[in-house]
């Protein structure tokens, strides 16, 4: 989801701001001017709320670019390496409505705390805190699936995350080994991370890497991703031969790709905390009441 400005359509090109906009910018609220932001960040005020914008300078950039990184839940501005932050601030303020609209559409984060529901293999499980040693297990009594976490309450979020990563590794290793055996190939290792830009990858030396968040998706989606990356051990491309190979390993290529396209970004909200930044006010993803 990218929006670029500048060039021939360039009312937002650095140095080309209209006089009325510059006057409006000078009059923006004292709160927006005085807010303390981290290095590499700007703050935009819109509708009485403050929105952080992460700034990245790129040598090859020729214009300002705004992009919503839905997986990381942040707005990113790319700007020329030698452009001024003042112009960047003016640019961001001019498009504050666009920034606010996209950020406000992000689904609310779901922290790993007791009472919240998290999908495990596509099935919602309510997190419950239990007494005892620090272990995690599932229960299915009473028509409700539970994710039970024992130990000190302060360690509950970490234990839930560690449990999900472990389950993801187990399912992904099993699926990858099954698909590799069908192709008569082997892989060097499997790594499970919290990667935001892609669900999986295959290196030229046969190392496979996956996002642990695939354990939140239905099993057929996880199995397809495993088949996809294993197929790269034979075809390091996305040509017709590659897709035919994937089709021999997974019977759910089309539905899995549709599910990931429709729901994949939603998986990144689980485990996110609703922390309030004193400088920025209430979390921007929380609706005003």
C-alpha atoms as a PDB file:
ATOM      1  CA  UNK A   1       0.000   0.000   0.000  1.00  0.00           C
ATOM      2  CA  UNK A   2       2.050   2.933  -1.329  1.00  0.00           C
ATOM      3  CA  UNK A   3       1.203   6.497  -2.132  1.00  0.00           C
ATOM      4  CA  UNK A   4       3.775   8.581  -3.972  1.00  0.00           C
ATOM      5  CA  UNK A   5       3.743  12.280  -4.507  1.00  0.00           C
ATOM      6  CA  UNK A   6       5.816  14.673  -6.545  1.00  0.00           C
ATOM      7  CA  UNK A   7       6.885  14.766 -10.163  1.00  0.00           C
ATOM      8  CA  UNK A   8       4.268  16.003 -12.657  1.00  0.00           C
ATOM      9  CA  UNK A   9       1.457  15.622 -10.123  1.00  0.00           C
ATOM     10  CA  UNK A  10       3.708  17.305  -7.654  1.00  0.00           C
ATOM     11  CA  UNK A  11       1.830  19.722  -5.482  1.00  0.00           C
ATOM     12  CA  UNK A  12       3.667  18.008  -2.627  1.00  0.00           C
ATOM     13  CA  UNK A  13       7.178  18.295  -4.076  1.00  0.00           C
ATOM     14  CA  UNK A  14       9.658  19.813  -1.608  1.00  0.00           C
ATOM     15  CA  UNK A  15       9.755  23.589  -2.008  1.00  0.00           C
ATOM     16  CA  UNK A  16       6.499  23.721  -4.004  1.00  0.00           C
ATOM     17  CA  UNK A  17       4.068  24.190  -1.085  1.00  0.00           C
ATOM     18  CA  UNK A  18       1.236  26.642  -1.684  1.00  0.00           C
ATOM     19  CA  UNK A  19       1.165  29.870   0.357  1.00  0.00           C
ATOM     20  CA  UNK A  20      -2.100  29.017   2.122  1.00  0.00           C
ATOM     21  CA  UNK A  21      -0.752  25.656   3.173  1.00  0.00           C
ATOM     22  CA  UNK A  22       2.458  27.183   4.514  1.00  0.00           C
ATOM     23  CA  UNK A  23       0.356  29.595   6.566  1.00  0.00           C
ATOM     24  CA  UNK A  24      -1.713  26.712   7.886  1.00  0.00           C
ATOM     25  CA  UNK A  25       1.453  24.802   8.753  1.00  0.00           C
ATOM     26  CA  UNK A  26       2.816  27.755  10.737  1.00  0.00           C
ATOM     27  CA  UNK A  27      -0.421  27.800  12.688  1.00  0.00           C
ATOM     28  CA  UNK A  28      -0.490  24.115  13.608  1.00  0.00           C
ATOM     29  CA  UNK A  29      -1.110  23.377  17.236  1.00  0.00           C
ATOM     30  CA  UNK A  30       1.463  24.045  19.922  1.00  0.00           C
ATOM     31  CA  UNK A  31       1.056  20.427  21.024  1.00  0.00           C
ATOM     32  CA  UNK A  32       2.261  19.120  17.666  1.00  0.00           C
ATOM     33  CA  UNK A  33       5.185  21.522  17.664  1.00  0.00           C
ATOM     34  CA  UNK A  34       6.342  20.748  21.192  1.00  0.00           C
ATOM     35  CA  UNK A  35       5.871  16.964  21.184  1.00  0.00           C
ATOM     36  CA  UNK A  36       9.139  15.130  21.697  1.00  0.00           C
ATOM     37  CA  UNK A  37       9.687  12.503  19.025  1.00  0.00           C
ATOM     38  CA  UNK A  38      12.428   9.952  18.588  1.00  0.00           C
ATOM     39  CA  UNK A  39      15.237  10.516  16.058  1.00  0.00           C
ATOM     40  CA  UNK A  40      14.084   9.476  12.598  1.00  0.00           C
ATOM     41  CA  UNK A  41      10.443  10.282  13.371  1.00  0.00           C
ATOM     42  CA  UNK A  42       7.997  13.065  12.628  1.00  0.00           C
ATOM     43  CA  UNK A  43       4.656  13.719  14.265  1.00  0.00           C
ATOM     44  CA  UNK A  44       1.532  14.741  12.381  1.00  0.00           C
ATOM     45  CA  UNK A  45      -1.579  16.115  14.043  1.00  0.00           C
ATOM     46  CA  UNK A  46      -4.977  15.472  12.494  1.00  0.00           C
ATOM     47  CA  UNK A  47      -8.403  15.651  14.059  1.00  0.00           C
ATOM     48  CA  UNK A  48      -6.949  16.366  17.486  1.00  0.00           C
ATOM     49  CA  UNK A  49      -4.750  13.246  17.491  1.00  0.00           C
ATOM     50  CA  UNK A  50      -1.031  12.754  16.893  1.00  0.00           C
ATOM     51  CA  UNK A  51       0.356  10.218  14.422  1.00  0.00           C
ATOM     52  CA  UNK A  52       4.043   9.192  14.346  1.00  0.00           C
ATOM     53  CA  UNK A  53       5.718   8.890  10.948  1.00  0.00           C
ATOM     54  CA  UNK A  54       8.987   6.967  10.639  1.00  0.00           C
ATOM     55  CA  UNK A  55      11.463   8.687   8.316  1.00  0.00           C
ATOM     56  CA  UNK A  56      13.950   6.879   6.081  1.00  0.00           C
ATOM     57  CA  UNK A  57      16.500   8.707   3.958  1.00  0.00           C
ATOM     58  CA  UNK A  58      17.482   6.953   0.736  1.00  0.00           C
ATOM     59  CA  UNK A  59      20.243   8.036  -1.611  1.00  0.00           C
ATOM     60  CA  UNK A  60      18.243   6.954  -4.670  1.00  0.00           C
ATOM     61  CA  UNK A  61      15.007   8.665  -3.591  1.00  0.00           C
ATOM     62  CA  UNK A  62      13.923  11.586  -5.769  1.00  0.00           C
ATOM     63  CA  UNK A  63      10.671  12.506  -3.999  1.00  0.00           C
ATOM     64  CA  UNK A  64       8.834  12.080  -0.741  1.00  0.00           C
ATOM     65  CA  UNK A  65       6.879   8.828  -0.403  1.00  0.00           C
ATOM     66  CA  UNK A  66       4.338   7.817   2.217  1.00  0.00           C
ATOM     67  CA  UNK A  67       3.711   4.118   2.795  1.00  0.00           C
ATOM     68  CA  UNK A  68       1.700   2.228   5.364  1.00  0.00           C
ATOM     69  CA  UNK A  69       3.635  -0.761   6.689  1.00  0.00           C
ATOM     70  CA  UNK A  70       0.621  -2.711   7.931  1.00  0.00           C
ATOM     71  CA  UNK A  71       2.704  -5.577   9.292  1.00  0.00           C
ATOM     72  CA  UNK A  72       4.825  -3.261  11.437  1.00  0.00           C
ATOM     73  CA  UNK A  73       1.777  -1.063  12.148  1.00  0.00           C
ATOM     74  CA  UNK A  74       3.563   2.149  11.229  1.00  0.00           C
ATOM     75  CA  UNK A  75       3.545   4.913   8.645  1.00  0.00           C
ATOM     76  CA  UNK A  76       6.831   5.278   6.786  1.00  0.00           C
ATOM     77  CA  UNK A  77       8.093   8.276   4.831  1.00  0.00           C
ATOM     78  CA  UNK A  78      10.927   7.814   2.366  1.00  0.00           C
ATOM     79  CA  UNK A  79      12.777  10.998   1.450  1.00  0.00           C
ATOM     80  CA  UNK A  80      15.848  12.052  -0.535  1.00  0.00           C
ATOM     81  CA  UNK A  81      19.064  11.742   1.419  1.00  0.00           C
ATOM     82  CA  UNK A  82      19.814  15.477   1.475  1.00  0.00           C
ATOM     83  CA  UNK A  83      16.257  16.783   1.754  1.00  0.00           C
ATOM     84  CA  UNK A  84      15.318  18.837   4.809  1.00  0.00           C
ATOM     85  CA  UNK A  85      13.234  17.530   7.675  1.00  0.00           C
ATOM     86  CA  UNK A  86      11.287  20.783   7.646  1.00  0.00           C
ATOM     87  CA  UNK A  87      10.084  20.071   4.122  1.00  0.00           C
ATOM     88  CA  UNK A  88       9.344  16.500   5.190  1.00  0.00           C
ATOM     89  CA  UNK A  89       7.210  17.819   8.068  1.00  0.00           C
ATOM     90  CA  UNK A  90       5.311  20.141   5.714  1.00  0.00           C
ATOM     91  CA  UNK A  91       4.734  17.265   3.316  1.00  0.00           C
ATOM     92  CA  UNK A  92       3.462  14.970   6.074  1.00  0.00           C
ATOM     93  CA  UNK A  93       1.181  17.683   7.497  1.00  0.00           C
ATOM     94  CA  UNK A  94      -0.326  18.333   4.094  1.00  0.00           C
ATOM     95  CA  UNK A  95      -1.319  14.686   3.803  1.00  0.00           C
ATOM     96  CA  UNK A  96      -2.328  14.263   7.426  1.00  0.00           C
ATOM     97  CA  UNK A  97      -5.834  13.187   6.457  1.00  0.00           C
ATOM     98  CA  UNK A  98      -4.500  10.329   4.331  1.00  0.00           C
ATOM     99  CA  UNK A  99      -2.151   9.236   7.129  1.00  0.00           C
ATOM    100  CA  UNK A 100      -4.923   9.322   9.732  1.00  0.00           C
ATOM    101  CA  UNK A 101      -7.374   7.407   7.553  1.00  0.00           C
ATOM    102  CA  UNK A 102      -4.929   4.557   6.873  1.00  0.00           C
ATOM    103  CA  UNK A 103      -3.677   4.290  10.431  1.00  0.00           C
ATOM    104  CA  UNK A 104      -7.176   4.337  11.884  1.00  0.00           C
ATOM    105  CA  UNK A 105      -8.187   1.427   9.654  1.00  0.00           C
ATOM    106  CA  UNK A 106      -5.613  -0.881  11.216  1.00  0.00           C
ATOM    107  CA  UNK A 107      -7.297  -3.541  13.348  1.00  0.00           C
ATOM    108  CA  UNK A 108      -6.853  -3.191  17.092  1.00  0.00           C
ATOM    109  CA  UNK A 109      -3.806  -5.047  18.465  1.00  0.00           C
ATOM    110  CA  UNK A 110      -4.362  -8.166  20.549  1.00  0.00           C
ATOM    111  CA  UNK A 111      -1.827  -8.389  23.399  1.00  0.00           C
ATOM    112  CA  UNK A 112      -0.998 -11.758  24.896  1.00  0.00           C
ATOM    113  CA  UNK A 113      -2.838 -11.304  28.183  1.00  0.00           C
ATOM    114  CA  UNK A 114      -5.383 -13.392  30.069  1.00  0.00           C
ATOM    115  CA  UNK A 115      -8.855 -13.147  28.590  1.00  0.00           C
ATOM    116  CA  UNK A 116      -7.765 -12.310  25.042  1.00  0.00           C
ATOM    117  CA  UNK A 117      -8.388 -14.704  22.161  1.00  0.00           C
ATOM    118  CA  UNK A 118      -5.624 -15.836  19.810  1.00  0.00           C
ATOM    119  CA  UNK A 119      -5.972 -18.203  16.844  1.00  0.00           C
ATOM    120  CA  UNK A 120      -3.974 -21.429  17.018  1.00  0.00           C
ATOM    121  CA  UNK A 121      -3.993 -23.275  13.693  1.00  0.00           C
ATOM    122  CA  UNK A 122      -6.918 -21.062  12.753  1.00  0.00           C
ATOM    123  CA  UNK A 123      -9.019 -21.913  15.820  1.00  0.00           C
ATOM    124  CA  UNK A 124      -9.639 -19.134  18.393  1.00  0.00           C
ATOM    125  CA  UNK A 125      -8.217 -19.978  21.834  1.00  0.00           C
ATOM    126  CA  UNK A 126      -8.914 -17.869  24.906  1.00  0.00           C
ATOM    127  CA  UNK A 127      -5.818 -17.241  27.038  1.00  0.00           C
ATOM    128  CA  UNK A 128      -6.296 -18.220  30.684  1.00  0.00           C
ATOM    129  CA  UNK A 129      -3.823 -17.950  33.538  1.00  0.00           C
ATOM    130  CA  UNK A 130      -3.471 -21.031  35.711  1.00  0.00           C
ATOM    131  CA  UNK A 131      -1.481 -21.657  38.899  1.00  0.00           C
ATOM    132  CA  UNK A 132       1.541 -23.925  38.832  1.00  0.00           C
ATOM    133  CA  UNK A 133       4.855 -24.131  37.032  1.00  0.00           C
ATOM    134  CA  UNK A 134       5.556 -22.049  33.952  1.00  0.00           C
ATOM    135  CA  UNK A 135       4.158 -24.280  31.214  1.00  0.00           C
ATOM    136  CA  UNK A 136       1.669 -23.764  28.391  1.00  0.00           C
ATOM    137  CA  UNK A 137      -0.942 -26.229  27.127  1.00  0.00           C
ATOM    138  CA  UNK A 138      -4.304 -26.324  25.380  1.00  0.00           C
ATOM    139  CA  UNK A 139      -7.683 -27.493  26.640  1.00  0.00           C
ATOM    140  CA  UNK A 140     -10.946 -27.923  24.777  1.00  0.00           C
ATOM    141  CA  UNK A 141     -13.554 -28.460  27.458  1.00  0.00           C
ATOM    142  CA  UNK A 142     -16.926 -26.741  27.614  1.00  0.00           C
ATOM    143  CA  UNK A 143     -17.095 -26.048  23.888  1.00  0.00           C
ATOM    144  CA  UNK A 144     -14.370 -23.388  24.135  1.00  0.00           C
ATOM    145  CA  UNK A 145     -10.745 -23.852  23.189  1.00  0.00           C
ATOM    146  CA  UNK A 146      -8.355 -22.574  25.856  1.00  0.00           C
ATOM    147  CA  UNK A 147      -4.680 -21.699  25.853  1.00  0.00           C
ATOM    148  CA  UNK A 148      -3.611 -22.271  29.451  1.00  0.00           C
ATOM    149  CA  UNK A 149      -0.519 -20.544  30.814  1.00  0.00           C
ATOM    150  CA  UNK A 150       0.935 -21.334  34.239  1.00  0.00           C
ATOM    151  CA  UNK A 151       3.570 -19.455  36.199  1.00  0.00           C
ATOM    152  CA  UNK A 152       3.913 -15.814  37.186  1.00  0.00           C
ATOM    153  CA  UNK A 153       1.469 -13.513  35.413  1.00  0.00           C
ATOM    154  CA  UNK A 154       4.264 -11.133  34.441  1.00  0.00           C
ATOM    155  CA  UNK A 155       5.791 -13.828  32.229  1.00  0.00           C
ATOM    156  CA  UNK A 156       2.531 -14.782  30.496  1.00  0.00           C
ATOM    157  CA  UNK A 157       3.075 -12.794  27.235  1.00  0.00           C
ATOM    158  CA  UNK A 158       6.558 -14.244  26.749  1.00  0.00           C
ATOM    159  CA  UNK A 159       5.385 -17.791  27.478  1.00  0.00           C
ATOM    160  CA  UNK A 160       2.529 -17.507  24.986  1.00  0.00           C
ATOM    161  CA  UNK A 161       4.891 -16.221  22.301  1.00  0.00           C
ATOM    162  CA  UNK A 162       7.471 -18.927  23.011  1.00  0.00           C
ATOM    163  CA  UNK A 163       4.762 -21.603  22.881  1.00  0.00           C
ATOM    164  CA  UNK A 164       3.456 -20.358  19.532  1.00  0.00           C
ATOM    165  CA  UNK A 165       6.960 -20.194  18.068  1.00  0.00           C
ATOM    166  CA  UNK A 166       7.604 -23.740  19.219  1.00  0.00           C
ATOM    167  CA  UNK A 167       4.362 -25.012  17.711  1.00  0.00           C
ATOM    168  CA  UNK A 168       5.153 -23.198  14.464  1.00  0.00           C
ATOM    169  CA  UNK A 169       8.597 -24.787  14.275  1.00  0.00           C
ATOM    170  CA  UNK A 170       7.154 -28.238  14.885  1.00  0.00           C
ATOM    171  CA  UNK A 171       4.466 -27.938  12.204  1.00  0.00           C
ATOM    172  CA  UNK A 172       6.753 -26.270   9.670  1.00  0.00           C
ATOM    173  CA  UNK A 173       9.537 -28.817  10.113  1.00  0.00           C
ATOM    174  CA  UNK A 174       7.082 -31.687   9.675  1.00  0.00           C
ATOM    175  CA  UNK A 175       5.550 -30.143   6.557  1.00  0.00           C
ATOM    176  CA  UNK A 176       8.912 -29.201   5.028  1.00  0.00           C
ATOM    177  CA  UNK A 177      10.352 -32.679   5.587  1.00  0.00           C
ATOM    178  CA  UNK A 178       7.273 -34.294   4.074  1.00  0.00           C
ATOM    179  CA  UNK A 179       7.413 -32.117   0.953  1.00  0.00           C
ATOM    180  CA  UNK A 180      11.187 -32.448   0.614  1.00  0.00           C
ATOM    181  CA  UNK A 181      10.915 -36.238   0.774  1.00  0.00           C
ATOM    182  CA  UNK A 182       8.393 -36.188  -2.078  1.00  0.00           C
ATOM    183  CA  UNK A 183      10.828 -34.213  -4.210  1.00  0.00           C
ATOM    184  CA  UNK A 184      13.852 -36.224  -3.143  1.00  0.00           C
ATOM    185  CA  UNK A 185      15.721 -33.157  -1.881  1.00  0.00           C
ATOM    186  CA  UNK A 186      17.032 -31.977   1.456  1.00  0.00           C
ATOM    187  CA  UNK A 187      17.325 -28.621   3.167  1.00  0.00           C
ATOM    188  CA  UNK A 188      20.104 -27.246   5.333  1.00  0.00           C
ATOM    189  CA  UNK A 189      18.062 -25.909   8.248  1.00  0.00           C
ATOM    190  CA  UNK A 190      14.796 -24.241   9.231  1.00  0.00           C
ATOM    191  CA  UNK A 191      14.655 -20.892  11.005  1.00  0.00           C
ATOM    192  CA  UNK A 192      11.486 -19.472  12.552  1.00  0.00           C
ATOM    193  CA  UNK A 193      11.395 -15.697  13.032  1.00  0.00           C
ATOM    194  CA  UNK A 194       8.968 -12.818  13.371  1.00  0.00           C
ATOM    195  CA  UNK A 195       9.566 -11.434   9.897  1.00  0.00           C
ATOM    196  CA  UNK A 196       7.193  -8.770   8.644  1.00  0.00           C
ATOM    197  CA  UNK A 197       8.038  -8.526   4.948  1.00  0.00           C
ATOM    198  CA  UNK A 198       7.510 -12.145   3.889  1.00  0.00           C
ATOM    199  CA  UNK A 199       6.043 -15.411   5.170  1.00  0.00           C
ATOM    200  CA  UNK A 200       8.963 -17.550   4.138  1.00  0.00           C
ATOM    201  CA  UNK A 201      12.175 -17.705   2.160  1.00  0.00           C
ATOM    202  CA  UNK A 202      14.651 -20.187   0.729  1.00  0.00           C
ATOM    203  CA  UNK A 203      18.333 -19.311   0.391  1.00  0.00           C
ATOM    204  CA  UNK A 204      20.634 -20.536  -2.343  1.00  0.00           C
ATOM    205  CA  UNK A 205      22.370 -22.836   0.153  1.00  0.00           C
ATOM    206  CA  UNK A 206      19.131 -24.608   1.078  1.00  0.00           C
ATOM    207  CA  UNK A 207      18.219 -22.813   4.308  1.00  0.00           C
ATOM    208  CA  UNK A 208      14.506 -22.278   4.880  1.00  0.00           C
ATOM    209  CA  UNK A 209      13.070 -19.453   6.960  1.00  0.00           C
ATOM    210  CA  UNK A 210       9.459 -18.900   8.030  1.00  0.00           C
ATOM    211  CA  UNK A 211       7.348 -16.531  10.099  1.00  0.00           C
ATOM    212  CA  UNK A 212       6.160 -18.066  13.354  1.00  0.00           C
ATOM    213  CA  UNK A 213       2.834 -16.315  12.799  1.00  0.00           C
ATOM    214  CA  UNK A 214       1.882 -18.988  10.280  1.00  0.00           C
ATOM    215  CA  UNK A 215       0.827 -21.106  13.275  1.00  0.00           C
ATOM    216  CA  UNK A 216      -2.047 -18.625  13.698  1.00  0.00           C
ATOM    217  CA  UNK A 217      -3.346 -19.412  10.201  1.00  0.00           C
ATOM    218  CA  UNK A 218      -5.357 -22.459   9.127  1.00  0.00           C
ATOM    219  CA  UNK A 219      -3.147 -25.551   8.619  1.00  0.00           C
ATOM    220  CA  UNK A 220      -3.622 -25.573   4.844  1.00  0.00           C
ATOM    221  CA  UNK A 221      -2.081 -22.079   4.635  1.00  0.00           C
ATOM    222  CA  UNK A 222       0.972 -23.150   6.662  1.00  0.00           C
ATOM    223  CA  UNK A 223       1.316 -26.318   4.580  1.00  0.00           C
ATOM    224  CA  UNK A 224       1.182 -24.330   1.349  1.00  0.00           C
ATOM    225  CA  UNK A 225       3.936 -21.968   2.538  1.00  0.00           C
ATOM    226  CA  UNK A 226       6.104 -24.948   3.455  1.00  0.00           C
ATOM    227  CA  UNK A 227       5.505 -26.478   0.011  1.00  0.00           C
ATOM    228  CA  UNK A 228       6.251 -23.125  -1.636  1.00  0.00           C
ATOM    229  CA  UNK A 229       9.659 -22.755  -0.014  1.00  0.00           C
ATOM    230  CA  UNK A 230      10.597 -26.432  -0.451  1.00  0.00           C
ATOM    231  CA  UNK A 231       9.797 -26.121  -4.157  1.00  0.00           C
ATOM    232  CA  UNK A 232      12.422 -23.357  -4.325  1.00  0.00           C
ATOM    233  CA  UNK A 233      15.027 -26.006  -3.507  1.00  0.00           C
ATOM    234  CA  UNK A 234      14.414 -27.239  -7.055  1.00  0.00           C
ATOM    235  CA  UNK A 235      13.270 -24.069  -8.842  1.00  0.00           C
ATOM    236  CA  UNK A 236      14.721 -20.789  -7.527  1.00  0.00           C
ATOM    237  CA  UNK A 237      12.167 -18.708  -9.418  1.00  0.00           C
ATOM    238  CA  UNK A 238       8.444 -18.187  -9.780  1.00  0.00           C
ATOM    239  CA  UNK A 239       8.107 -19.479 -13.315  1.00  0.00           C
ATOM    240  CA  UNK A 240       5.550 -21.965 -14.668  1.00  0.00           C
ATOM    241  CA  UNK A 241       7.677 -24.976 -13.709  1.00  0.00           C
ATOM    242  CA  UNK A 242       7.879 -23.730 -10.133  1.00  0.00           C
ATOM    243  CA  UNK A 243       4.107 -23.345  -9.788  1.00  0.00           C
ATOM    244  CA  UNK A 244       3.493 -26.770 -11.319  1.00  0.00           C
ATOM    245  CA  UNK A 245       5.879 -28.198  -8.737  1.00  0.00           C
ATOM    246  CA  UNK A 246       4.082 -26.429  -5.887  1.00  0.00           C
ATOM    247  CA  UNK A 247       0.804 -27.808  -7.200  1.00  0.00           C
ATOM    248  CA  UNK A 248       2.103 -31.364  -6.929  1.00  0.00           C
ATOM    249  CA  UNK A 249       2.921 -30.774  -3.241  1.00  0.00           C
ATOM    250  CA  UNK A 250      -0.116 -28.790  -2.096  1.00  0.00           C
ATOM    251  CA  UNK A 251      -3.736 -29.243  -3.108  1.00  0.00           C
ATOM    252  CA  UNK A 252      -4.669 -25.895  -1.556  1.00  0.00           C
ATOM    253  CA  UNK A 253      -2.482 -23.412  -3.419  1.00  0.00           C
ATOM    254  CA  UNK A 254      -5.334 -21.151  -4.576  1.00  0.00           C
ATOM    255  CA  UNK A 255      -7.364 -21.093  -1.317  1.00  0.00           C
ATOM    256  CA  UNK A 256      -4.209 -20.657   0.776  1.00  0.00           C
ATOM    257  CA  UNK A 257      -3.046 -17.709  -1.308  1.00  0.00           C
ATOM    258  CA  UNK A 258      -6.506 -16.138  -1.115  1.00  0.00           C
ATOM    259  CA  UNK A 259      -6.617 -16.570   2.647  1.00  0.00           C
ATOM    260  CA  UNK A 260      -3.175 -15.046   3.147  1.00  0.00           C
ATOM    261  CA  UNK A 261      -4.014 -12.115   0.872  1.00  0.00           C
ATOM    262  CA  UNK A 262      -7.239 -11.437   2.761  1.00  0.00           C
ATOM    263  CA  UNK A 263      -6.142 -12.147   6.342  1.00  0.00           C
ATOM    264  CA  UNK A 264      -2.348 -12.243   6.416  1.00  0.00           C
ATOM    265  CA  UNK A 265      -1.833  -8.674   7.665  1.00  0.00           C
ATOM    266  CA  UNK A 266      -4.276  -9.348  10.479  1.00  0.00           C
ATOM    267  CA  UNK A 267      -1.927 -11.948  11.964  1.00  0.00           C
ATOM    268  CA  UNK A 268       0.626  -9.270  12.798  1.00  0.00           C
ATOM    269  CA  UNK A 269      -1.646  -7.636  15.379  1.00  0.00           C
ATOM    270  CA  UNK A 270      -1.413 -10.575  17.775  1.00  0.00           C
ATOM    271  CA  UNK A 271       1.110 -10.079  20.541  1.00  0.00           C
ATOM    272  CA  UNK A 272       1.167  -6.306  20.025  1.00  0.00           C
ATOM    273  CA  UNK A 273       0.890  -4.240  23.186  1.00  0.00           C
ATOM    274  CA  UNK A 274      -1.390  -1.216  23.606  1.00  0.00           C
ATOM    275  CA  UNK A 275       1.293   0.912  25.213  1.00  0.00           C
ATOM    276  CA  UNK A 276       0.750   4.626  25.566  1.00  0.00           C
ATOM    277  CA  UNK A 277       3.538   7.044  24.694  1.00  0.00           C
ATOM    278  CA  UNK A 278       3.270  10.053  27.040  1.00  0.00           C
ATOM    279  CA  UNK A 279       4.479  12.309  24.251  1.00  0.00           C
ATOM    280  CA  UNK A 280       2.039  10.995  21.645  1.00  0.00           C
ATOM    281  CA  UNK A 281      -1.040  10.504  23.802  1.00  0.00           C
ATOM    282  CA  UNK A 282      -3.393   7.501  23.490  1.00  0.00           C
ATOM    283  CA  UNK A 283      -2.392   4.696  21.095  1.00  0.00           C
ATOM    284  CA  UNK A 284      -3.344   5.763  17.575  1.00  0.00           C
ATOM    285  CA  UNK A 285      -5.046   2.454  16.844  1.00  0.00           C
ATOM    286  CA  UNK A 286      -7.569   2.891  19.647  1.00  0.00           C
ATOM    287  CA  UNK A 287     -10.860   4.436  18.564  1.00  0.00           C
ATOM    288  CA  UNK A 288     -11.864   7.677  20.243  1.00  0.00           C
ATOM    289  CA  UNK A 289     -14.798   7.116  22.613  1.00  0.00           C
END
